[in-house]
Protein backbone atom coordinates (compact mmCIF):
# COMPACT_ATOMS: atom_id res chain seq x y z
CA UNK A 1 104.54 75.89 104.79
CA UNK A 2 103.81 78.35 101.87
CA UNK A 3 106.64 80.42 101.08
CA UNK A 4 107.13 82.91 98.10
CA UNK A 5 110.76 83.64 97.10
CA UNK A 6 111.54 86.51 94.86
CA UNK A 7 115.09 87.08 92.85
CA UNK A 8 116.31 89.35 90.43
CA UNK A 9 116.65 92.71 92.09
CA UNK A 10 119.62 94.62 92.09
CA UNK A 11 121.04 98.19 90.92
CA UNK A 12 120.37 99.21 87.24
CA UNK A 13 121.02 102.95 85.66
CA UNK A 14 117.71 104.44 84.73
CA UNK A 15 116.79 103.32 81.18
CA UNK A 16 117.84 100.33 81.93
CA UNK A 17 116.00 96.36 82.91
CA UNK A 18 115.49 94.21 85.18
CA UNK A 19 113.68 90.78 85.33
CA UNK A 20 112.13 89.46 88.75
CA UNK A 21 111.06 86.13 89.50
CA UNK A 22 109.07 84.52 92.64
CA UNK A 23 109.14 80.94 92.95
CA UNK A 24 106.41 79.37 95.41
CA UNK A 25 106.84 76.53 97.39
CA UNK A 26 104.65 74.58 99.71
CA UNK A 27 101.46 74.73 97.43
CA UNK A 28 100.33 75.50 93.98
CA UNK A 29 98.96 78.83 92.88
CA UNK A 30 97.93 77.84 89.38
CA UNK A 31 94.20 78.50 89.90
CA UNK A 32 95.06 81.83 91.88
CA UNK A 33 95.70 85.37 91.06
CA UNK A 34 99.01 86.31 91.74
CA UNK A 35 100.87 89.78 91.67
CA UNK A 36 103.85 92.35 92.49
CA UNK A 37 103.84 95.13 95.01
CA UNK A 38 106.50 97.34 95.97
CA UNK A 39 107.56 99.60 98.92
CA UNK A 40 109.40 102.62 98.65
CA UNK A 41 111.50 104.21 101.36
CA UNK A 42 109.24 105.91 104.00
CA UNK A 43 105.91 105.06 101.54
CA UNK A 44 103.21 102.69 101.85
CA UNK A 45 103.11 99.09 99.99
CA UNK A 46 101.94 99.63 96.25
CA UNK A 47 100.17 98.00 93.63
CA UNK A 48 102.50 97.08 90.59
CA UNK A 49 100.79 94.27 88.55
CA UNK A 50 98.54 91.18 88.93
CA UNK A 51 98.00 88.24 86.70
CA UNK A 52 95.18 85.74 86.55
CA UNK A 53 95.33 82.46 86.96
CA UNK A 54 95.81 81.33 83.18
CA UNK A 55 97.85 84.32 82.40
CA UNK A 56 95.34 85.23 79.77
CA UNK A 57 94.14 88.64 81.99
CA UNK A 58 96.60 91.48 83.91
CA UNK A 59 96.17 94.60 85.50
CA UNK A 60 99.00 97.32 86.13
CA UNK A 61 99.32 100.52 88.03
CA UNK A 62 99.34 103.48 85.82
CA UNK A 63 103.21 104.35 86.68
CA UNK A 64 104.31 101.41 85.10
CA UNK A 65 101.83 100.34 82.29
CA UNK A 66 103.80 100.19 79.16
CA UNK A 67 107.16 99.48 80.61
CA UNK A 68 106.61 96.46 82.74
CA UNK A 69 105.09 92.99 81.68
CA UNK A 70 103.63 90.72 84.36
CA UNK A 71 104.09 86.96 83.37
CA UNK A 72 103.60 83.56 85.06
CA UNK A 73 104.25 79.92 84.14
CA UNK A 74 101.84 77.83 86.18
CA UNK A 75 104.03 74.56 85.45
CA UNK A 76 106.88 76.16 87.38
CA UNK A 77 104.88 77.35 90.03
CA UNK A 78 106.55 81.08 89.07
CA UNK A 79 105.39 84.52 88.55
CA UNK A 80 107.67 86.93 86.80
CA UNK A 81 108.03 90.84 86.39
CA UNK A 82 109.99 92.35 83.37
CA UNK A 83 110.90 96.09 84.07
CA UNK A 84 112.09 98.08 81.08
CA UNK A 85 112.88 101.61 81.12
CA UNK A 86 113.36 102.00 84.65
CA UNK A 87 113.30 105.21 86.51
CA UNK A 88 114.44 106.21 89.87
CA UNK A 89 111.03 106.30 91.27
CA UNK A 90 110.95 102.87 90.57
CA UNK A 91 113.38 102.11 93.42
CA UNK A 92 111.77 99.87 96.10
CA UNK A 93 111.70 96.80 97.43
CA UNK A 94 109.28 94.41 95.42
CA UNK A 95 107.33 91.80 96.63
CA UNK A 96 105.62 88.76 95.18
CA UNK A 97 102.20 87.80 96.42
CA UNK A 98 99.35 85.62 95.91
CA UNK A 99 95.84 84.63 96.93
CA UNK A 100 95.01 81.79 98.90
CA UNK A 101 92.07 80.85 96.84
CA UNK A 102 90.86 80.64 93.22
CA UNK A 103 89.18 83.77 91.71
CA UNK A 104 89.30 86.30 89.23
CA UNK A 105 90.60 89.60 91.55
CA UNK A 106 93.05 91.57 89.69
CA UNK A 107 92.70 94.98 91.93
CA UNK A 108 95.26 96.79 93.60
CA UNK A 109 94.45 96.38 97.20
CA UNK A 110 96.76 94.62 99.54
CA UNK A 111 94.19 92.93 101.82
CA UNK A 112 93.04 90.24 99.34
CA UNK A 113 96.56 88.96 98.96
CA UNK A 114 97.20 86.05 101.59
CA UNK A 115 101.01 84.99 100.84
CA UNK A 116 104.06 87.50 100.41
CA UNK A 117 107.51 87.00 99.84
CA UNK A 118 110.55 88.72 101.75
CA UNK A 119 111.01 91.40 98.99
CA UNK A 120 113.75 92.07 96.67
CA UNK A 121 115.57 95.17 96.31
CA UNK A 122 115.54 97.35 93.07
CA UNK A 123 117.71 100.25 93.10
CA UNK A 124 117.22 102.54 89.86
CA UNK A 125 120.25 105.13 89.90
CA UNK A 126 119.90 108.81 87.98
């Protein structure tokens, strides 16, 4: 079965950095958009970043643009999220997501993504 597994979350002080990784198994996603979403306590899941199949195109939420960088390694079937200059409002469970079919979608909606990881907790202290 298809699985996405996030890792790299943890506790960091404001201004610090973390790098999240997502390893996919069960199928390859080298022709599919992959992305990162997050859910803060008491809030809806929200878009963070997405990356196209070849890594050439990206999209970022305004709240993280300039601070976060999404990347992928299709040979390893992984996608990463480098998070710099972290803020307390970045505290959330971060989820890796992937589409089930090839395409160019890089939007912020949740529904187009078909596969989701279990999430990894990121906590940013003041």
